[in-house]
Amino acid sequence: MDNLYDLGLELQKLTRTRDNIQKNYDRRKKLNLLDPPYERQLKEDLRKIDFDISALNRKIRSVESEQYRSKIIKDSK
């Protein structure tokens, strides 16, 4: 899964999922439909997805850096 395109798609998927959970949380909070266990679960889901998004962003930067270094090395030969 080191292909930048695949990583980008995975990042988009995680971002959409996070946005959907956030909208669900905001909607339920506004309508006062959140019970404490469900609210904790939504907040935990958001934290987990934020962690996954951060890790994926680091992976993308790493792959981009690796590809750039590889290109520089090829060009210098």
PDB file of N, CA and C in Angstrom:
ATOM      1  N   MET A   1       0.828  -1.190   0.000  1.00  0.00           N
ATOM      2  CA  MET A   1       0.000   0.000   0.000  1.00  0.00           C
ATOM      3  C   MET A   1       0.874   1.256   0.000  1.00  0.00           C
ATOM      4  N   ASP A   2       2.009   1.170  -0.608  1.00  0.00           N
ATOM      5  CA  ASP A   2       2.897   2.323  -0.663  1.00  0.00           C
ATOM      6  C   ASP A   2       2.599   3.213  -1.862  1.00  0.00           C
ATOM      7  N   ASN A   3       1.607   2.874  -2.639  1.00  0.00           N
ATOM      8  CA  ASN A   3       1.231   3.690  -3.775  1.00  0.00           C
ATOM      9  C   ASN A   3       0.540   4.950  -3.258  1.00  0.00           C
ATOM     10  N   LEU A   4       1.026   6.111  -3.684  1.00  0.00           N
ATOM     11  CA  LEU A   4       0.460   7.373  -3.216  1.00  0.00           C
ATOM     12  C   LEU A   4      -1.021   7.505  -3.551  1.00  0.00           C
ATOM     13  N   TYR A   5      -1.417   6.995  -4.693  1.00  0.00           N
ATOM     14  CA  TYR A   5      -2.826   7.061  -5.079  1.00  0.00           C
ATOM     15  C   TYR A   5      -3.688   6.287  -4.086  1.00  0.00           C
ATOM     16  N   ASP A   6      -3.259   5.083  -3.744  1.00  0.00           N
ATOM     17  CA  ASP A   6      -4.008   4.266  -2.785  1.00  0.00           C
ATOM     18  C   ASP A   6      -4.049   4.917  -1.404  1.00  0.00           C
ATOM     19  N   LEU A   7      -2.918   5.487  -1.006  1.00  0.00           N
ATOM     20  CA  LEU A   7      -2.875   6.171   0.281  1.00  0.00           C
ATOM     21  C   LEU A   7      -3.797   7.381   0.287  1.00  0.00           C
ATOM     22  N   GLY A   8      -3.841   8.090  -0.822  1.00  0.00           N
ATOM     23  CA  GLY A   8      -4.735   9.239  -0.943  1.00  0.00           C
ATOM     24  C   GLY A   8      -6.193   8.838  -0.855  1.00  0.00           C
ATOM     25  N   LEU A   9      -6.531   7.730  -1.500  1.00  0.00           N
ATOM     26  CA  LEU A   9      -7.912   7.234  -1.431  1.00  0.00           C
ATOM     27  C   LEU A   9      -8.285   6.826  -0.004  1.00  0.00           C
ATOM     28  N   GLU A  10      -7.359   6.176   0.663  1.00  0.00           N
ATOM     29  CA  GLU A  10      -7.604   5.773   2.053  1.00  0.00           C
ATOM     30  C   GLU A  10      -7.782   7.001   2.945  1.00  0.00           C
ATOM     31  N   LEU A  11      -6.978   8.038   2.695  1.00  0.00           N
ATOM     32  CA  LEU A  11      -7.098   9.276   3.458  1.00  0.00           C
ATOM     33  C   LEU A  11      -8.462   9.931   3.216  1.00  0.00           C
ATOM     34  N   GLN A  12      -8.905   9.958   1.974  1.00  0.00           N
ATOM     35  CA  GLN A  12     -10.225  10.515   1.666  1.00  0.00           C
ATOM     36  C   GLN A  12     -11.328   9.734   2.368  1.00  0.00           C
ATOM     37  N   LYS A  13     -11.207   8.414   2.368  1.00  0.00           N
ATOM     38  CA  LYS A  13     -12.205   7.568   3.028  1.00  0.00           C
ATOM     39  C   LYS A  13     -12.263   7.857   4.525  1.00  0.00           C
ATOM     40  N   LEU A  14     -11.099   7.933   5.158  1.00  0.00           N
ATOM     41  CA  LEU A  14     -11.059   8.227   6.594  1.00  0.00           C
ATOM     42  C   LEU A  14     -11.613   9.618   6.895  1.00  0.00           C
ATOM     43  N   THR A  15     -11.299  10.575   6.036  1.00  0.00           N
ATOM     44  CA  THR A  15     -11.779  11.940   6.235  1.00  0.00           C
ATOM     45  C   THR A  15     -13.308  11.996   6.113  1.00  0.00           C
ATOM     46  N   ARG A  16     -13.852  11.308   5.121  1.00  0.00           N
ATOM     47  CA  ARG A  16     -15.318  11.271   4.972  1.00  0.00           C
ATOM     48  C   ARG A  16     -15.972  10.604   6.172  1.00  0.00           C
ATOM     49  N   THR A  17     -15.372   9.516   6.641  1.00  0.00           N
ATOM     50  CA  THR A  17     -15.909   8.820   7.804  1.00  0.00           C
ATOM     51  C   THR A  17     -15.884   9.725   9.025  1.00  0.00           C
ATOM     52  N   ARG A  18     -14.772  10.434   9.204  1.00  0.00           N
ATOM     53  CA  ARG A  18     -14.667  11.344  10.344  1.00  0.00           C
ATOM     54  C   ARG A  18     -15.708  12.458  10.257  1.00  0.00           C
ATOM     55  N   ASP A  19     -15.872  13.018   9.065  1.00  0.00           N
ATOM     56  CA  ASP A  19     -16.868  14.075   8.878  1.00  0.00           C
ATOM     57  C   ASP A  19     -18.280  13.576   9.185  1.00  0.00           C
ATOM     58  N   ASN A  20     -18.579  12.362   8.750  1.00  0.00           N
ATOM     59  CA  ASN A  20     -19.908  11.794   9.003  1.00  0.00           C
ATOM     60  C   ASN A  20     -20.147  11.573  10.498  1.00  0.00           C
ATOM     61  N   ILE A  21     -19.158  11.060  11.191  1.00  0.00           N
ATOM     62  CA  ILE A  21     -19.299  10.849  12.631  1.00  0.00           C
ATOM     63  C   ILE A  21     -19.446  12.194  13.347  1.00  0.00           C
ATOM     64  N   GLN A  22     -18.662  13.186  12.922  1.00  0.00           N
ATOM     65  CA  GLN A  22     -18.740  14.515  13.538  1.00  0.00           C
ATOM     66  C   GLN A  22     -20.123  15.131  13.316  1.00  0.00           C
ATOM     67  N   LYS A  23     -20.658  15.012  12.094  1.00  0.00           N
ATOM     68  CA  LYS A  23     -21.987  15.542  11.807  1.00  0.00           C
ATOM     69  C   LYS A  23     -23.047  14.837  12.642  1.00  0.00           C
ATOM     70  N   ASN A  24     -22.918  13.521  12.764  1.00  0.00           N
ATOM     71  CA  ASN A  24     -23.850  12.739  13.579  1.00  0.00           C
ATOM     72  C   ASN A  24     -23.801  13.212  15.030  1.00  0.00           C
ATOM     73  N   TYR A  25     -22.595  13.389  15.543  1.00  0.00           N
ATOM     74  CA  TYR A  25     -22.419  13.855  16.920  1.00  0.00           C
ATOM     75  C   TYR A  25     -23.038  15.244  17.105  1.00  0.00           C
ATOM     76  N   ASP A  26     -22.729  16.160  16.206  1.00  0.00           N
ATOM     77  CA  ASP A  26     -23.258  17.520  16.308  1.00  0.00           C
ATOM     78  C   ASP A  26     -24.786  17.538  16.230  1.00  0.00           C
ATOM     79  N   ARG A  27     -25.341  16.761  15.311  1.00  0.00           N
ATOM     80  CA  ARG A  27     -26.796  16.708  15.137  1.00  0.00           C
ATOM     81  C   ARG A  27     -27.463  16.171  16.403  1.00  0.00           C
ATOM     82  N   ARG A  28     -26.939  15.076  16.937  1.00  0.00           N
ATOM     83  CA  ARG A  28     -27.530  14.491  18.144  1.00  0.00           C
ATOM     84  C   ARG A  28     -27.376  15.413  19.353  1.00  0.00           C
ATOM     85  N   LYS A  29     -26.256  16.099  19.420  1.00  0.00           N
ATOM     86  CA  LYS A  29     -26.031  17.022  20.538  1.00  0.00           C
ATOM     87  C   LYS A  29     -27.013  18.191  20.457  1.00  0.00           C
ATOM     88  N   LYS A  30     -27.206  18.716  19.265  1.00  0.00           N
ATOM     89  CA  LYS A  30     -28.127  19.832  19.064  1.00  0.00           C
ATOM     90  C   LYS A  30     -29.558  19.436  19.433  1.00  0.00           C
ATOM     91  N   LEU A  31     -29.942  18.213  19.100  1.00  0.00           N
ATOM     92  CA  LEU A  31     -31.297  17.735  19.395  1.00  0.00           C
ATOM     93  C   LEU A  31     -31.411  17.127  20.793  1.00  0.00           C
ATOM     94  N   ASN A  32     -30.302  17.153  21.529  1.00  0.00           N
ATOM     95  CA  ASN A  32     -30.265  16.619  22.892  1.00  0.00           C
ATOM     96  C   ASN A  32     -30.634  15.128  22.929  1.00  0.00           C
ATOM     97  N   LEU A  33     -30.080  14.379  22.008  1.00  0.00           N
ATOM     98  CA  LEU A  33     -30.352  12.946  21.904  1.00  0.00           C
ATOM     99  C   LEU A  33     -29.159  12.087  22.314  1.00  0.00           C
ATOM    100  N   LEU A  34     -28.158  12.706  22.903  1.00  0.00           N
ATOM    101  CA  LEU A  34     -26.956  11.958  23.280  1.00  0.00           C
ATOM    102  C   LEU A  34     -27.064  11.461  24.712  1.00  0.00           C
ATOM    103  N   ASP A  35     -26.947  10.166  24.877  1.00  0.00           N
ATOM    104  CA  ASP A  35     -26.797   9.647  26.232  1.00  0.00           C
ATOM    105  C   ASP A  35     -25.287   9.507  26.485  1.00  0.00           C
ATOM    106  N   PRO A  36     -24.850   9.574  27.722  1.00  0.00           N
ATOM    107  CA  PRO A  36     -23.406   9.594  28.020  1.00  0.00           C
ATOM    108  C   PRO A  36     -22.588   8.452  27.410  1.00  0.00           C
ATOM    109  N   PRO A  37     -23.059   7.190  27.454  1.00  0.00           N
ATOM    110  CA  PRO A  37     -22.213   6.139  26.838  1.00  0.00           C
ATOM    111  C   PRO A  37     -22.048   6.313  25.324  1.00  0.00           C
ATOM    112  N   TYR A  38     -23.119   6.708  24.648  1.00  0.00           N
ATOM    113  CA  TYR A  38     -23.046   6.896  23.202  1.00  0.00           C
ATOM    114  C   TYR A  38     -22.145   8.082  22.859  1.00  0.00           C
ATOM    115  N   GLU A  39     -22.223   9.145  23.656  1.00  0.00           N
ATOM    116  CA  GLU A  39     -21.365  10.305  23.440  1.00  0.00           C
ATOM    117  C   GLU A  39     -19.898   9.917  23.619  1.00  0.00           C
ATOM    118  N   ARG A  40     -19.600   9.140  24.645  1.00  0.00           N
ATOM    119  CA  ARG A  40     -18.216   8.687  24.853  1.00  0.00           C
ATOM    120  C   ARG A  40     -17.746   7.848  23.678  1.00  0.00           C
ATOM    121  N   GLN A  41     -18.633   6.990  23.170  1.00  0.00           N
ATOM    122  CA  GLN A  41     -18.268   6.142  22.036  1.00  0.00           C
ATOM    123  C   GLN A  41     -17.973   6.985  20.794  1.00  0.00           C
ATOM    124  N   LEU A  42     -18.802   7.982  20.527  1.00  0.00           N
ATOM    125  CA  LEU A  42     -18.565   8.842  19.369  1.00  0.00           C
ATOM    126  C   LEU A  42     -17.260   9.614  19.516  1.00  0.00           C
ATOM    127  N   LYS A  43     -17.008  10.143  20.703  1.00  0.00           N
ATOM    128  CA  LYS A  43     -15.766  10.875  20.931  1.00  0.00           C
ATOM    129  C   LYS A  43     -14.550   9.960  20.775  1.00  0.00           C
ATOM    130  N   GLU A  44     -14.662   8.734  21.261  1.00  0.00           N
ATOM    131  CA  GLU A  44     -13.564   7.772  21.119  1.00  0.00           C
ATOM    132  C   GLU A  44     -13.346   7.426  19.643  1.00  0.00           C
ATOM    133  N   ASP A  45     -14.440   7.252  18.897  1.00  0.00           N
ATOM    134  CA  ASP A  45     -14.326   6.981  17.463  1.00  0.00           C
ATOM    135  C   ASP A  45     -13.631   8.135  16.745  1.00  0.00           C
ATOM    136  N   LEU A  46     -13.993   9.360  17.110  1.00  0.00           N
ATOM    137  CA  LEU A  46     -13.360  10.532  16.495  1.00  0.00           C
ATOM    138  C   LEU A  46     -11.871  10.581  16.816  1.00  0.00           C
ATOM    139  N   ARG A  47     -11.514  10.304  18.061  1.00  0.00           N
ATOM    140  CA  ARG A  47     -10.091  10.304  18.435  1.00  0.00           C
ATOM    141  C   ARG A  47      -9.320   9.231  17.666  1.00  0.00           C
ATOM    142  N   LYS A  48      -9.919   8.054  17.535  1.00  0.00           N
ATOM    143  CA  LYS A  48      -9.252   6.964  16.819  1.00  0.00           C
ATOM    144  C   LYS A  48      -9.053   7.324  15.346  1.00  0.00           C
ATOM    145  N   ILE A  49     -10.075   7.882  14.736  1.00  0.00           N
ATOM    146  CA  ILE A  49      -9.965   8.255  13.324  1.00  0.00           C
ATOM    147  C   ILE A  49      -8.947   9.385  13.156  1.00  0.00           C
ATOM    148  N   ASP A  50      -8.928  10.335  14.082  1.00  0.00           N
ATOM    149  CA  ASP A  50      -7.920  11.403  14.016  1.00  0.00           C
ATOM    150  C   ASP A  50      -6.513  10.816  14.084  1.00  0.00           C
ATOM    151  N   PHE A  51      -6.312   9.831  14.955  1.00  0.00           N
ATOM    152  CA  PHE A  51      -5.016   9.166  15.062  1.00  0.00           C
ATOM    153  C   PHE A  51      -4.673   8.461  13.751  1.00  0.00           C
ATOM    154  N   ASP A  52      -5.655   7.749  13.168  1.00  0.00           N
ATOM    155  CA  ASP A  52      -5.426   7.050  11.903  1.00  0.00           C
ATOM    156  C   ASP A  52      -5.109   8.020  10.769  1.00  0.00           C
ATOM    157  N   ILE A  53      -5.806   9.158  10.740  1.00  0.00           N
ATOM    158  CA  ILE A  53      -5.550  10.161   9.713  1.00  0.00           C
ATOM    159  C   ILE A  53      -4.132  10.723   9.865  1.00  0.00           C
ATOM    160  N   SER A  54      -3.728  10.992  11.087  1.00  0.00           N
ATOM    161  CA  SER A  54      -2.372  11.498  11.321  1.00  0.00           C
ATOM    162  C   SER A  54      -1.319  10.493  10.874  1.00  0.00           C
ATOM    163  N   ALA A  55      -1.544   9.237  11.206  1.00  0.00           N
ATOM    164  CA  ALA A  55      -0.594   8.192  10.811  1.00  0.00           C
ATOM    165  C   ALA A  55      -0.527   8.075   9.289  1.00  0.00           C
ATOM    166  N   LEU A  56      -1.662   8.158   8.640  1.00  0.00           N
ATOM    167  CA  LEU A  56      -1.698   8.060   7.183  1.00  0.00           C
ATOM    168  C   LEU A  56      -1.012   9.265   6.546  1.00  0.00           C
ATOM    169  N   ASN A  57      -1.212  10.448   7.110  1.00  0.00           N
ATOM    170  CA  ASN A  57      -0.521  11.633   6.598  1.00  0.00           C
ATOM    171  C   ASN A  57       0.991  11.485   6.734  1.00  0.00           C
ATOM    172  N   ARG A  58       1.448  10.923   7.852  1.00  0.00           N
ATOM    173  CA  ARG A  58       2.889  10.686   8.027  1.00  0.00           C
ATOM    174  C   ARG A  58       3.388   9.691   6.983  1.00  0.00           C
ATOM    175  N   LYS A  59       2.605   8.653   6.736  1.00  0.00           N
ATOM    176  CA  LYS A  59       2.985   7.640   5.744  1.00  0.00           C
ATOM    177  C   LYS A  59       3.079   8.266   4.352  1.00  0.00           C
ATOM    178  N   ILE A  60       2.117   9.116   4.018  1.00  0.00           N
ATOM    179  CA  ILE A  60       2.119   9.776   2.710  1.00  0.00           C
ATOM    180  C   ILE A  60       3.359  10.657   2.571  1.00  0.00           C
ATOM    181  N   ARG A  61       3.662  11.441   3.598  1.00  0.00           N
ATOM    182  CA  ARG A  61       4.854  12.297   3.551  1.00  0.00           C
ATOM    183  C   ARG A  61       6.124  11.457   3.420  1.00  0.00           C
ATOM    184  N   SER A  62       6.159  10.332   4.092  1.00  0.00           N
ATOM    185  CA  SER A  62       7.319   9.450   4.028  1.00  0.00           C
ATOM    186  C   SER A  62       7.507   8.901   2.616  1.00  0.00           C
ATOM    187  N   VAL A  63       6.423   8.443   2.012  1.00  0.00           N
ATOM    188  CA  VAL A  63       6.502   7.891   0.653  1.00  0.00           C
ATOM    189  C   VAL A  63       6.884   8.986  -0.334  1.00  0.00           C
ATOM    190  N   GLU A  64       6.297  10.191  -0.179  1.00  0.00           N
ATOM    191  CA  GLU A  64       6.656  11.296  -1.066  1.00  0.00           C
ATOM    192  C   GLU A  64       8.138  11.639  -0.940  1.00  0.00           C
ATOM    193  N   SER A  65       8.635  11.662   0.279  1.00  0.00           N
ATOM    194  CA  SER A  65      10.041  11.964   0.519  1.00  0.00           C
ATOM    195  C   SER A  65      10.930  10.887  -0.096  1.00  0.00           C
ATOM    196  N   GLU A  66      10.550   9.644   0.085  1.00  0.00           N
ATOM    197  CA  GLU A  66      11.317   8.533  -0.484  1.00  0.00           C
ATOM    198  C   GLU A  66      11.355   8.622  -2.004  1.00  0.00           C
ATOM    199  N   GLN A  67      10.220   8.924  -2.620  1.00  0.00           N
ATOM    200  CA  GLN A  67      10.168   9.045  -4.067  1.00  0.00           C
ATOM    201  C   GLN A  67      11.004  10.224  -4.551  1.00  0.00           C
ATOM    202  N   TYR A  68      10.953  11.331  -3.815  1.00  0.00           N
ATOM    203  CA  TYR A  68      11.737  12.504  -4.197  1.00  0.00           C
ATOM    204  C   TYR A  68      13.230  12.210  -4.102  1.00  0.00           C
ATOM    205  N   ARG A  69      13.646  11.565  -3.006  1.00  0.00           N
ATOM    206  CA  ARG A  69      15.067  11.214  -2.866  1.00  0.00           C
ATOM    207  C   ARG A  69      15.497  10.273  -3.982  1.00  0.00           C
ATOM    208  N   SER A  70      14.656   9.325  -4.316  1.00  0.00           N
ATOM    209  CA  SER A  70      14.970   8.382  -5.385  1.00  0.00           C
ATOM    210  C   SER A  70      15.128   9.126  -6.711  1.00  0.00           C
ATOM    211  N   LYS A  71      14.259  10.092  -6.960  1.00  0.00           N
ATOM    212  CA  LYS A  71      14.335  10.871  -8.199  1.00  0.00           C
ATOM    213  C   LYS A  71      15.622  11.682  -8.242  1.00  0.00           C
ATOM    214  N   ILE A  72      15.993  12.305  -7.140  1.00  0.00           N
ATOM    215  CA  ILE A  72      17.212  13.096  -7.075  1.00  0.00           C
ATOM    216  C   ILE A  72      18.431  12.227  -7.341  1.00  0.00           C
ATOM    217  N   ILE A  73      18.443  11.029  -6.756  1.00  0.00           N
ATOM    218  CA  ILE A  73      19.576  10.120  -6.954  1.00  0.00           C
ATOM    219  C   ILE A  73      19.667   9.690  -8.416  1.00  0.00           C
ATOM    220  N   LYS A  74      18.536   9.392  -9.037  1.00  0.00           N
ATOM    221  CA  LYS A  74      18.543   8.988 -10.444  1.00  0.00           C
ATOM    222  C   LYS A  74      19.019  10.127 -11.335  1.00  0.00           C
ATOM    223  N   ASP A  75      18.567  11.346 -11.028  1.00  0.00           N
ATOM    224  CA  ASP A  75      18.944  12.495 -11.850  1.00  0.00           C
ATOM    225  C   ASP A  75      20.419  12.850 -11.726  1.00  0.00           C
ATOM    226  N   SER A  76      21.006  12.543 -10.574  1.00  0.00           N
ATOM    227  CA  SER A  76      22.406  12.900 -10.381  1.00  0.00           C
ATOM    228  C   SER A  76      23.376  11.920 -11.049  1.00  0.00           C
ATOM    229  N   LYS A  77      22.887  10.798 -11.490  1.00  0.00           N
ATOM    230  CA  LYS A  77      23.755   9.798 -12.135  1.00  0.00           C
ATOM    231  C   LYS A  77      23.991  10.102 -13.575  1.00  0.00           C
TER     232      LYS A  77
END
